């Protein structure tokens, strides 16, 4: 018999341990996250094969970006942002490859299946993200958007913003520090 899956309130602690190299904590966290990922992805993507591809892409992204997660914050909004980005990317790729319009009958029929609670949860997460970003000065906000949300490399973000890589790093560092401080004041 396998161990019971850890509950959501334990996830930040497991991620912190995973960031410190604890493979057992990482396996437990991923086992707990996979059903949540599948459910959330399937609310956005109705093609089972594409949905499973997105779940795998989300897991890879979580693995690649796990060092950026702040264990003082809830894990699910961070994961939800990754799910959203990867789902949009997959739907865009699918749209380009199939040359389909979003308003076709299949998409309209599928969109009626989205539960209202999921739509409100997504809206709530987007509002929280917008509120957090609004506390940042323009340049810091731009760096968070480019590097953390759009996942550009530091070099690409520097080119996009016409700044040096060291300036991008500095702005990003100050932005993340400000967000952490704001989070501690708000939640602590």
N, C-alpha and C. Protein backbone atom coordinates (compact mmCIF):
# COMPACT_ATOMS: atom_id res chain seq x y z
N UNK A 1 0.85 -1.18 0.00
CA UNK A 1 0.00 0.00 0.00
C UNK A 1 0.89 1.24 0.00
N UNK A 2 0.51 2.25 -0.77
CA UNK A 2 1.33 3.46 -0.87
C UNK A 2 0.95 4.44 0.23
N UNK A 3 1.86 5.35 0.51
CA UNK A 3 1.60 6.39 1.51
C UNK A 3 0.47 7.29 1.04
N UNK A 4 -0.33 7.81 1.99
CA UNK A 4 -1.39 8.75 1.57
C UNK A 4 -0.74 10.01 1.00
N UNK A 5 -1.45 10.62 0.06
CA UNK A 5 -0.93 11.85 -0.56
C UNK A 5 -0.97 12.99 0.44
N UNK A 6 0.06 13.83 0.45
CA UNK A 6 0.07 14.97 1.37
C UNK A 6 -1.00 15.99 0.96
N UNK A 7 -1.58 16.63 1.95
CA UNK A 7 -2.60 17.64 1.70
C UNK A 7 -1.96 18.96 1.27
N UNK A 8 -2.78 19.80 0.65
CA UNK A 8 -2.28 21.05 0.04
C UNK A 8 -1.50 21.92 1.02
N UNK A 9 -1.89 21.97 2.27
CA UNK A 9 -1.16 22.82 3.23
C UNK A 9 0.27 22.35 3.46
N UNK A 10 0.58 21.09 3.14
CA UNK A 10 1.93 20.56 3.31
C UNK A 10 2.81 20.79 2.08
N UNK A 11 2.21 21.18 0.97
CA UNK A 11 2.96 21.30 -0.28
C UNK A 11 4.12 22.29 -0.22
N UNK A 12 3.93 23.51 0.34
CA UNK A 12 5.07 24.43 0.39
C UNK A 12 6.27 23.86 1.15
N UNK A 13 5.99 23.16 2.25
CA UNK A 13 7.07 22.54 3.02
C UNK A 13 7.78 21.47 2.21
N UNK A 14 7.00 20.66 1.49
CA UNK A 14 7.60 19.64 0.64
C UNK A 14 8.45 20.26 -0.46
N UNK A 15 7.96 21.36 -1.03
CA UNK A 15 8.73 22.03 -2.09
C UNK A 15 10.03 22.60 -1.53
N UNK A 16 9.97 23.16 -0.33
CA UNK A 16 11.19 23.69 0.29
C UNK A 16 12.20 22.56 0.48
N UNK A 17 11.73 21.42 0.98
CA UNK A 17 12.62 20.27 1.16
C UNK A 17 13.15 19.80 -0.20
N UNK A 18 12.30 19.81 -1.22
CA UNK A 18 12.75 19.42 -2.56
C UNK A 18 13.81 20.38 -3.08
N UNK A 19 13.61 21.68 -2.82
CA UNK A 19 14.60 22.66 -3.24
C UNK A 19 15.95 22.42 -2.55
N UNK A 20 15.88 21.85 -1.34
CA UNK A 20 17.10 21.54 -0.59
C UNK A 20 17.69 20.17 -0.97
N UNK A 21 17.06 19.48 -1.94
CA UNK A 21 17.61 18.22 -2.44
C UNK A 21 16.94 16.96 -1.91
N UNK A 22 15.87 17.08 -1.15
CA UNK A 22 15.18 15.91 -0.59
C UNK A 22 14.32 15.26 -1.69
N UNK A 23 14.83 14.17 -2.26
CA UNK A 23 14.14 13.51 -3.37
C UNK A 23 12.83 12.86 -2.94
N UNK A 24 12.78 12.32 -1.72
CA UNK A 24 11.55 11.71 -1.22
C UNK A 24 10.44 12.76 -1.12
N UNK A 25 10.76 13.94 -0.60
CA UNK A 25 9.77 15.02 -0.49
C UNK A 25 9.29 15.44 -1.88
N UNK A 26 10.22 15.48 -2.81
CA UNK A 26 9.88 15.87 -4.19
C UNK A 26 8.94 14.85 -4.82
N UNK A 27 9.23 13.56 -4.63
CA UNK A 27 8.35 12.50 -5.17
C UNK A 27 6.96 12.60 -4.56
N UNK A 28 6.88 12.80 -3.24
CA UNK A 28 5.58 12.93 -2.57
C UNK A 28 4.80 14.12 -3.12
N UNK A 29 5.50 15.24 -3.29
CA UNK A 29 4.85 16.44 -3.81
C UNK A 29 4.32 16.20 -5.22
N UNK A 30 5.14 15.64 -6.08
CA UNK A 30 4.70 15.40 -7.46
C UNK A 30 3.54 14.42 -7.51
N UNK A 31 3.58 13.38 -6.68
CA UNK A 31 2.46 12.43 -6.64
C UNK A 31 1.17 13.12 -6.23
N UNK A 32 1.26 14.06 -5.30
CA UNK A 32 0.08 14.80 -4.87
C UNK A 32 -0.39 15.79 -5.93
N UNK A 33 0.55 16.36 -6.65
CA UNK A 33 0.21 17.38 -7.65
C UNK A 33 -0.39 16.83 -8.93
N UNK A 34 0.04 15.65 -9.36
CA UNK A 34 -0.39 15.14 -10.67
C UNK A 34 -1.91 15.10 -10.83
N UNK A 35 -2.68 14.58 -9.87
CA UNK A 35 -4.14 14.59 -10.07
C UNK A 35 -4.72 16.00 -10.15
N UNK A 36 -4.15 16.91 -9.38
CA UNK A 36 -4.60 18.31 -9.42
C UNK A 36 -4.28 18.92 -10.77
N UNK A 37 -3.06 18.67 -11.26
CA UNK A 37 -2.66 19.18 -12.58
C UNK A 37 -3.61 18.66 -13.66
N UNK A 38 -3.85 17.35 -13.64
CA UNK A 38 -4.73 16.77 -14.66
C UNK A 38 -6.11 17.41 -14.64
N UNK A 39 -6.67 17.56 -13.45
CA UNK A 39 -8.01 18.14 -13.34
C UNK A 39 -8.03 19.59 -13.85
N UNK A 40 -7.02 20.35 -13.47
CA UNK A 40 -6.99 21.76 -13.88
C UNK A 40 -6.71 21.91 -15.38
N UNK A 41 -5.84 21.08 -15.91
CA UNK A 41 -5.55 21.16 -17.35
C UNK A 41 -6.79 20.76 -18.14
N UNK A 42 -7.49 19.73 -17.71
CA UNK A 42 -8.67 19.26 -18.44
C UNK A 42 -9.82 20.26 -18.40
N UNK A 43 -9.78 21.18 -17.48
CA UNK A 43 -10.78 22.26 -17.48
C UNK A 43 -10.52 23.24 -18.62
N UNK A 44 -9.28 23.26 -19.10
CA UNK A 44 -8.88 24.20 -20.15
C UNK A 44 -8.77 23.53 -21.51
N UNK A 45 -8.39 22.26 -21.52
CA UNK A 45 -8.11 21.55 -22.77
C UNK A 45 -8.95 20.28 -22.79
N UNK A 46 -9.74 20.13 -23.84
CA UNK A 46 -10.71 19.04 -23.90
C UNK A 46 -10.24 17.86 -24.73
N UNK A 47 -9.12 17.99 -25.38
CA UNK A 47 -8.51 16.90 -26.13
C UNK A 47 -7.63 16.13 -25.14
N UNK A 48 -7.97 14.85 -24.89
CA UNK A 48 -7.27 14.06 -23.87
C UNK A 48 -5.78 13.94 -24.13
N UNK A 49 -5.40 13.73 -25.37
CA UNK A 49 -3.98 13.56 -25.71
C UNK A 49 -3.23 14.88 -25.48
N UNK A 50 -3.82 15.97 -25.95
CA UNK A 50 -3.19 17.28 -25.75
C UNK A 50 -3.13 17.62 -24.26
N UNK A 51 -4.18 17.31 -23.53
CA UNK A 51 -4.21 17.59 -22.09
C UNK A 51 -3.08 16.84 -21.38
N UNK A 52 -2.87 15.59 -21.73
CA UNK A 52 -1.80 14.82 -21.10
C UNK A 52 -0.43 15.39 -21.48
N UNK A 53 -0.28 15.86 -22.72
CA UNK A 53 0.97 16.52 -23.12
C UNK A 53 1.21 17.75 -22.28
N UNK A 54 0.15 18.52 -22.03
CA UNK A 54 0.28 19.74 -21.22
C UNK A 54 0.65 19.38 -19.78
N UNK A 55 0.03 18.34 -19.23
CA UNK A 55 0.38 17.90 -17.87
C UNK A 55 1.87 17.59 -17.80
N UNK A 56 2.38 16.86 -18.79
CA UNK A 56 3.81 16.53 -18.80
C UNK A 56 4.67 17.79 -18.93
N UNK A 57 4.22 18.73 -19.75
CA UNK A 57 4.94 20.00 -19.93
C UNK A 57 4.94 20.80 -18.62
N UNK A 58 3.83 20.78 -17.91
CA UNK A 58 3.74 21.48 -16.62
C UNK A 58 4.71 20.84 -15.63
N UNK A 59 4.75 19.51 -15.58
CA UNK A 59 5.67 18.84 -14.66
C UNK A 59 7.13 19.18 -14.97
N UNK A 60 7.46 19.23 -16.25
CA UNK A 60 8.82 19.59 -16.66
C UNK A 60 9.11 21.04 -16.24
N UNK A 61 8.15 21.92 -16.45
CA UNK A 61 8.33 23.33 -16.09
C UNK A 61 8.49 23.48 -14.58
N UNK A 62 7.67 22.78 -13.81
CA UNK A 62 7.81 22.81 -12.34
C UNK A 62 9.22 22.36 -11.96
N UNK A 63 9.67 21.28 -12.57
CA UNK A 63 11.01 20.78 -12.27
C UNK A 63 12.08 21.81 -12.61
N UNK A 64 11.94 22.40 -13.80
CA UNK A 64 12.93 23.37 -14.26
C UNK A 64 12.93 24.65 -13.44
N UNK A 65 11.75 25.07 -12.96
CA UNK A 65 11.62 26.36 -12.26
C UNK A 65 11.45 26.22 -10.75
N UNK A 66 11.60 25.03 -10.21
CA UNK A 66 11.32 24.84 -8.79
C UNK A 66 12.16 25.74 -7.89
N UNK A 67 13.34 26.11 -8.35
CA UNK A 67 14.20 26.99 -7.56
C UNK A 67 13.61 28.40 -7.44
N UNK A 68 12.66 28.77 -8.30
CA UNK A 68 12.09 30.12 -8.25
C UNK A 68 10.90 30.22 -7.29
N UNK A 69 10.40 29.08 -6.83
CA UNK A 69 9.25 29.10 -5.93
C UNK A 69 9.67 29.58 -4.54
N UNK A 70 8.85 30.46 -3.95
CA UNK A 70 9.07 30.97 -2.60
C UNK A 70 8.21 30.14 -1.64
N UNK A 71 8.82 29.29 -0.80
CA UNK A 71 8.05 28.42 0.08
C UNK A 71 7.22 29.16 1.13
N UNK A 72 7.41 30.45 1.25
CA UNK A 72 6.59 31.23 2.18
C UNK A 72 5.21 31.52 1.59
N UNK A 73 5.07 31.28 0.30
CA UNK A 73 3.80 31.54 -0.39
C UNK A 73 3.10 30.21 -0.66
N UNK A 74 1.77 30.25 -0.86
CA UNK A 74 1.06 29.02 -1.22
C UNK A 74 1.57 28.49 -2.56
N UNK A 75 1.59 27.19 -2.72
CA UNK A 75 2.13 26.57 -3.93
C UNK A 75 1.14 26.58 -5.08
N UNK A 76 -0.14 26.39 -4.79
CA UNK A 76 -1.11 26.22 -5.86
C UNK A 76 -1.22 27.42 -6.81
N UNK A 77 -1.17 28.68 -6.34
CA UNK A 77 -1.19 29.79 -7.31
C UNK A 77 0.02 29.77 -8.24
N UNK A 78 1.18 29.41 -7.71
CA UNK A 78 2.39 29.31 -8.53
C UNK A 78 2.21 28.23 -9.59
N UNK A 79 1.70 27.07 -9.17
CA UNK A 79 1.46 25.97 -10.10
C UNK A 79 0.38 26.37 -11.11
N UNK A 80 -0.66 27.06 -10.65
CA UNK A 80 -1.75 27.48 -11.54
C UNK A 80 -1.25 28.42 -12.63
N UNK A 81 -0.32 29.29 -12.29
CA UNK A 81 0.25 30.18 -13.31
C UNK A 81 0.99 29.38 -14.37
N UNK A 82 1.69 28.33 -13.94
CA UNK A 82 2.40 27.47 -14.89
C UNK A 82 1.39 26.73 -15.76
N UNK A 83 0.34 26.20 -15.14
CA UNK A 83 -0.70 25.49 -15.89
C UNK A 83 -1.30 26.41 -16.95
N UNK A 84 -1.61 27.63 -16.54
CA UNK A 84 -2.21 28.60 -17.47
C UNK A 84 -1.28 28.87 -18.65
N UNK A 85 -0.02 29.13 -18.36
CA UNK A 85 0.93 29.45 -19.43
C UNK A 85 1.12 28.26 -20.38
N UNK A 86 1.27 27.07 -19.82
CA UNK A 86 1.49 25.89 -20.67
C UNK A 86 0.24 25.54 -21.47
N UNK A 87 -0.93 25.73 -20.89
CA UNK A 87 -2.19 25.46 -21.62
C UNK A 87 -2.35 26.42 -22.78
N UNK A 88 -2.10 27.69 -22.54
CA UNK A 88 -2.20 28.68 -23.61
C UNK A 88 -1.20 28.37 -24.71
N UNK A 89 0.03 28.04 -24.32
CA UNK A 89 1.05 27.69 -25.32
C UNK A 89 0.59 26.51 -26.18
N UNK A 90 0.06 25.47 -25.54
CA UNK A 90 -0.38 24.28 -26.27
C UNK A 90 -1.53 24.60 -27.20
N UNK A 91 -2.49 25.38 -26.73
CA UNK A 91 -3.63 25.74 -27.57
C UNK A 91 -3.19 26.61 -28.75
N UNK A 92 -2.23 27.48 -28.52
CA UNK A 92 -1.72 28.30 -29.63
C UNK A 92 -1.02 27.42 -30.66
N UNK A 93 -0.18 26.49 -30.16
CA UNK A 93 0.51 25.58 -31.09
C UNK A 93 -0.50 24.75 -31.87
N UNK A 94 -1.51 24.26 -31.18
CA UNK A 94 -2.53 23.46 -31.83
C UNK A 94 -3.28 24.30 -32.86
N UNK A 95 -3.60 25.52 -32.51
CA UNK A 95 -4.31 26.41 -33.43
C UNK A 95 -3.51 26.69 -34.67
N UNK A 96 -2.20 26.90 -34.50
CA UNK A 96 -1.35 27.15 -35.67
C UNK A 96 -1.22 25.89 -36.52
N UNK A 97 -1.09 24.74 -35.86
CA UNK A 97 -0.87 23.52 -36.64
C UNK A 97 -2.14 23.05 -37.34
N UNK A 98 -3.29 23.31 -36.76
CA UNK A 98 -4.54 22.88 -37.37
C UNK A 98 -5.24 24.01 -38.11
N UNK A 99 -4.72 25.23 -37.93
CA UNK A 99 -5.30 26.41 -38.57
C UNK A 99 -6.80 26.52 -38.26
N UNK A 100 -7.12 26.35 -36.97
CA UNK A 100 -8.50 26.42 -36.53
C UNK A 100 -8.77 27.76 -35.88
N UNK A 101 -10.01 28.16 -35.93
CA UNK A 101 -10.43 29.36 -35.24
C UNK A 101 -10.97 28.99 -33.88
N UNK A 102 -10.81 29.88 -32.92
CA UNK A 102 -11.28 29.62 -31.56
C UNK A 102 -12.79 29.48 -31.51
N UNK A 103 -13.51 30.15 -32.37
CA UNK A 103 -14.95 30.15 -32.32
C UNK A 103 -15.62 28.99 -33.00
N UNK A 104 -14.92 27.91 -33.36
CA UNK A 104 -15.57 26.81 -34.05
C UNK A 104 -16.53 26.07 -33.11
N UNK A 105 -17.40 25.25 -33.68
CA UNK A 105 -18.43 24.58 -32.91
C UNK A 105 -17.85 23.68 -31.82
N UNK A 106 -16.77 22.99 -32.13
CA UNK A 106 -16.15 22.09 -31.16
C UNK A 106 -15.68 22.87 -29.93
N UNK A 107 -15.00 23.99 -30.15
CA UNK A 107 -14.51 24.79 -29.04
C UNK A 107 -15.65 25.40 -28.26
N UNK A 108 -16.69 25.86 -28.95
CA UNK A 108 -17.83 26.44 -28.25
C UNK A 108 -18.55 25.39 -27.43
N UNK A 109 -18.71 24.20 -27.97
CA UNK A 109 -19.35 23.13 -27.22
C UNK A 109 -18.56 22.75 -25.99
N UNK A 110 -17.24 22.69 -26.13
CA UNK A 110 -16.40 22.33 -25.00
C UNK A 110 -16.35 23.39 -23.94
N UNK A 111 -16.45 24.65 -24.34
CA UNK A 111 -16.33 25.72 -23.35
C UNK A 111 -17.50 25.73 -22.38
N UNK A 112 -18.63 25.15 -22.76
CA UNK A 112 -19.77 25.10 -21.86
C UNK A 112 -19.52 24.12 -20.71
N UNK A 113 -18.50 23.25 -20.86
CA UNK A 113 -18.21 22.27 -19.83
C UNK A 113 -17.38 22.84 -18.68
N UNK A 114 -16.86 24.05 -18.82
CA UNK A 114 -16.00 24.63 -17.79
C UNK A 114 -16.87 25.01 -16.59
N UNK A 115 -16.58 24.44 -15.42
CA UNK A 115 -17.37 24.81 -14.24
C UNK A 115 -17.14 26.27 -13.87
N UNK A 116 -18.19 26.89 -13.38
CA UNK A 116 -18.09 28.30 -12.99
C UNK A 116 -17.04 28.49 -11.90
N UNK A 117 -16.93 27.53 -11.00
CA UNK A 117 -15.95 27.68 -9.91
C UNK A 117 -14.53 27.74 -10.46
N UNK A 118 -14.24 26.99 -11.52
CA UNK A 118 -12.90 27.03 -12.12
C UNK A 118 -12.65 28.39 -12.74
N UNK A 119 -13.66 28.93 -13.40
CA UNK A 119 -13.51 30.24 -14.02
C UNK A 119 -13.26 31.30 -12.95
N UNK A 120 -14.00 31.21 -11.84
CA UNK A 120 -13.80 32.18 -10.76
C UNK A 120 -12.44 32.00 -10.10
N UNK A 121 -11.99 30.77 -9.94
CA UNK A 121 -10.68 30.52 -9.35
C UNK A 121 -9.59 31.11 -10.23
N UNK A 122 -9.71 30.93 -11.55
CA UNK A 122 -8.74 31.48 -12.48
C UNK A 122 -8.75 33.01 -12.42
N UNK A 123 -9.95 33.58 -12.39
CA UNK A 123 -10.08 35.04 -12.29
C UNK A 123 -9.44 35.54 -11.00
N UNK A 124 -9.68 34.83 -9.90
CA UNK A 124 -9.12 35.20 -8.60
C UNK A 124 -7.59 35.17 -8.65
N UNK A 125 -7.03 34.11 -9.24
CA UNK A 125 -5.57 34.01 -9.35
C UNK A 125 -5.00 35.13 -10.21
N UNK A 126 -5.71 35.44 -11.31
CA UNK A 126 -5.24 36.53 -12.17
C UNK A 126 -5.30 37.87 -11.44
N UNK A 127 -6.35 38.08 -10.66
CA UNK A 127 -6.45 39.34 -9.89
C UNK A 127 -5.34 39.42 -8.84
N UNK A 128 -5.07 38.28 -8.16
CA UNK A 128 -4.00 38.27 -7.17
C UNK A 128 -2.66 38.59 -7.82
N UNK A 129 -2.40 38.00 -8.97
CA UNK A 129 -1.16 38.26 -9.69
C UNK A 129 -1.09 39.73 -10.10
N UNK A 130 -2.17 40.25 -10.65
CA UNK A 130 -2.19 41.66 -11.06
C UNK A 130 -1.98 42.58 -9.86
N UNK A 131 -2.59 42.25 -8.73
CA UNK A 131 -2.44 43.06 -7.52
C UNK A 131 -0.99 43.05 -7.05
N UNK A 132 -0.37 41.86 -7.07
CA UNK A 132 1.03 41.76 -6.65
C UNK A 132 1.94 42.56 -7.59
N UNK A 133 1.71 42.42 -8.88
CA UNK A 133 2.55 43.13 -9.84
C UNK A 133 2.35 44.64 -9.76
N UNK A 134 1.16 45.07 -9.35
CA UNK A 134 0.86 46.51 -9.31
C UNK A 134 1.68 47.25 -8.25
N UNK A 135 2.23 46.52 -7.28
CA UNK A 135 3.03 47.20 -6.24
C UNK A 135 4.44 47.50 -6.73
N UNK A 136 4.80 46.93 -7.87
CA UNK A 136 6.15 47.10 -8.39
C UNK A 136 6.27 48.32 -9.29
N UNK A 137 7.42 48.99 -9.25
CA UNK A 137 7.68 50.03 -10.25
C UNK A 137 7.69 49.41 -11.65
N UNK A 138 7.47 50.23 -12.64
CA UNK A 138 7.29 49.76 -14.02
C UNK A 138 8.41 48.83 -14.49
N UNK A 139 9.65 49.21 -14.31
CA UNK A 139 10.78 48.42 -14.82
C UNK A 139 10.89 47.08 -14.09
N UNK A 140 10.66 47.08 -12.77
CA UNK A 140 10.71 45.83 -12.02
C UNK A 140 9.58 44.90 -12.47
N UNK A 141 8.40 45.47 -12.63
CA UNK A 141 7.24 44.68 -13.09
C UNK A 141 7.54 44.07 -14.47
N UNK A 142 8.14 44.87 -15.34
CA UNK A 142 8.47 44.38 -16.68
C UNK A 142 9.43 43.18 -16.60
N UNK A 143 10.42 43.24 -15.71
CA UNK A 143 11.37 42.13 -15.60
C UNK A 143 10.68 40.87 -15.07
N UNK A 144 9.79 41.01 -14.10
CA UNK A 144 9.05 39.85 -13.59
C UNK A 144 8.21 39.25 -14.71
N UNK A 145 7.55 40.10 -15.46
CA UNK A 145 6.71 39.61 -16.56
C UNK A 145 7.54 38.89 -17.62
N UNK A 146 8.68 39.47 -17.99
CA UNK A 146 9.51 38.87 -19.03
C UNK A 146 10.18 37.57 -18.58
N UNK A 147 10.80 37.60 -17.41
CA UNK A 147 11.61 36.46 -16.97
C UNK A 147 10.79 35.38 -16.28
N UNK A 148 9.87 35.79 -15.41
CA UNK A 148 9.13 34.80 -14.62
C UNK A 148 7.84 34.34 -15.29
N UNK A 149 7.12 35.24 -15.91
CA UNK A 149 5.84 34.86 -16.50
C UNK A 149 5.98 34.41 -17.95
N UNK A 150 6.77 35.14 -18.74
CA UNK A 150 6.98 34.74 -20.13
C UNK A 150 8.14 33.76 -20.27
N UNK A 151 8.89 33.59 -19.19
CA UNK A 151 10.01 32.65 -19.12
C UNK A 151 11.10 32.92 -20.16
N UNK A 152 11.35 34.20 -20.42
CA UNK A 152 12.47 34.55 -21.29
C UNK A 152 13.76 34.36 -20.52
N UNK A 153 14.82 34.07 -21.23
CA UNK A 153 16.14 34.01 -20.59
C UNK A 153 16.53 35.43 -20.20
N UNK A 154 17.52 35.53 -19.33
CA UNK A 154 17.99 36.86 -18.93
C UNK A 154 18.51 37.64 -20.14
N UNK A 155 19.18 36.94 -21.04
CA UNK A 155 19.71 37.58 -22.25
C UNK A 155 18.57 38.09 -23.13
N UNK A 156 17.54 37.26 -23.32
CA UNK A 156 16.39 37.68 -24.14
C UNK A 156 15.64 38.84 -23.49
N UNK A 157 15.49 38.78 -22.16
CA UNK A 157 14.82 39.87 -21.45
C UNK A 157 15.63 41.16 -21.57
N UNK A 158 16.95 41.05 -21.54
CA UNK A 158 17.81 42.23 -21.69
C UNK A 158 17.64 42.83 -23.08
N UNK A 159 17.59 41.98 -24.10
CA UNK A 159 17.39 42.47 -25.46
C UNK A 159 16.02 43.13 -25.61
N UNK A 160 15.00 42.46 -25.07
CA UNK A 160 13.63 42.97 -25.17
C UNK A 160 13.49 44.33 -24.50
N UNK A 161 14.16 44.51 -23.37
CA UNK A 161 14.03 45.75 -22.60
C UNK A 161 15.13 46.77 -22.89
N UNK A 162 16.07 46.36 -23.75
CA UNK A 162 17.21 47.23 -24.11
C UNK A 162 18.05 47.61 -22.88
N UNK A 163 18.26 46.60 -22.02
CA UNK A 163 19.07 46.78 -20.82
C UNK A 163 20.19 45.74 -20.85
N UNK A 164 21.16 45.90 -19.98
CA UNK A 164 22.20 44.89 -19.84
C UNK A 164 21.66 43.72 -19.02
N UNK A 165 22.30 42.57 -19.15
CA UNK A 165 21.89 41.41 -18.38
C UNK A 165 22.00 41.70 -16.88
N UNK A 166 23.06 42.39 -16.48
CA UNK A 166 23.21 42.71 -15.05
C UNK A 166 22.11 43.65 -14.57
N UNK A 167 21.66 44.57 -15.42
CA UNK A 167 20.55 45.45 -15.03
C UNK A 167 19.25 44.65 -14.88
N UNK A 168 19.05 43.69 -15.78
CA UNK A 168 17.87 42.82 -15.69
C UNK A 168 17.91 42.04 -14.38
N UNK A 169 19.08 41.46 -14.07
CA UNK A 169 19.22 40.69 -12.82
C UNK A 169 18.93 41.56 -11.61
N UNK A 170 19.47 42.76 -11.61
CA UNK A 170 19.29 43.68 -10.49
C UNK A 170 17.82 44.06 -10.31
N UNK A 171 17.17 44.44 -11.42
CA UNK A 171 15.76 44.79 -11.35
C UNK A 171 14.91 43.60 -10.89
N UNK A 172 15.21 42.44 -11.41
CA UNK A 172 14.46 41.23 -11.04
C UNK A 172 14.66 40.92 -9.56
N UNK A 173 15.89 41.01 -9.11
CA UNK A 173 16.18 40.75 -7.69
C UNK A 173 15.41 41.71 -6.79
N UNK A 174 15.45 43.00 -7.12
CA UNK A 174 14.73 43.99 -6.31
C UNK A 174 13.23 43.73 -6.34
N UNK A 175 12.71 43.35 -7.50
CA UNK A 175 11.28 43.07 -7.63
C UNK A 175 10.88 41.89 -6.75
N UNK A 176 11.66 40.82 -6.81
CA UNK A 176 11.32 39.63 -6.02
C UNK A 176 11.44 39.90 -4.53
N UNK A 177 12.43 40.69 -4.14
CA UNK A 177 12.56 41.07 -2.73
C UNK A 177 11.34 41.89 -2.29
N UNK A 178 10.92 42.82 -3.12
CA UNK A 178 9.76 43.65 -2.79
C UNK A 178 8.51 42.78 -2.68
N UNK A 179 8.34 41.84 -3.60
CA UNK A 179 7.17 40.95 -3.55
C UNK A 179 7.19 40.07 -2.30
N UNK A 180 8.36 39.57 -1.94
CA UNK A 180 8.47 38.75 -0.72
C UNK A 180 8.10 39.58 0.51
N UNK A 181 8.65 40.79 0.60
CA UNK A 181 8.34 41.65 1.73
C UNK A 181 6.85 41.97 1.80
N UNK A 182 6.29 42.28 0.65
CA UNK A 182 4.85 42.57 0.59
C UNK A 182 4.05 41.34 1.03
N UNK A 183 4.46 40.16 0.56
CA UNK A 183 3.78 38.92 0.94
C UNK A 183 3.86 38.66 2.43
N UNK A 184 5.01 38.93 3.03
CA UNK A 184 5.18 38.73 4.47
C UNK A 184 4.30 39.70 5.25
N UNK A 185 4.21 40.95 4.79
CA UNK A 185 3.37 41.94 5.46
C UNK A 185 1.90 41.59 5.33
N UNK A 186 1.52 41.09 4.16
CA UNK A 186 0.12 40.78 3.90
C UNK A 186 -0.31 39.50 4.60
N UNK A 187 0.57 38.47 4.57
CA UNK A 187 0.19 37.16 5.10
C UNK A 187 0.75 36.88 6.48
N UNK A 188 1.60 37.73 6.96
CA UNK A 188 2.26 37.40 8.23
C UNK A 188 1.99 38.33 9.27
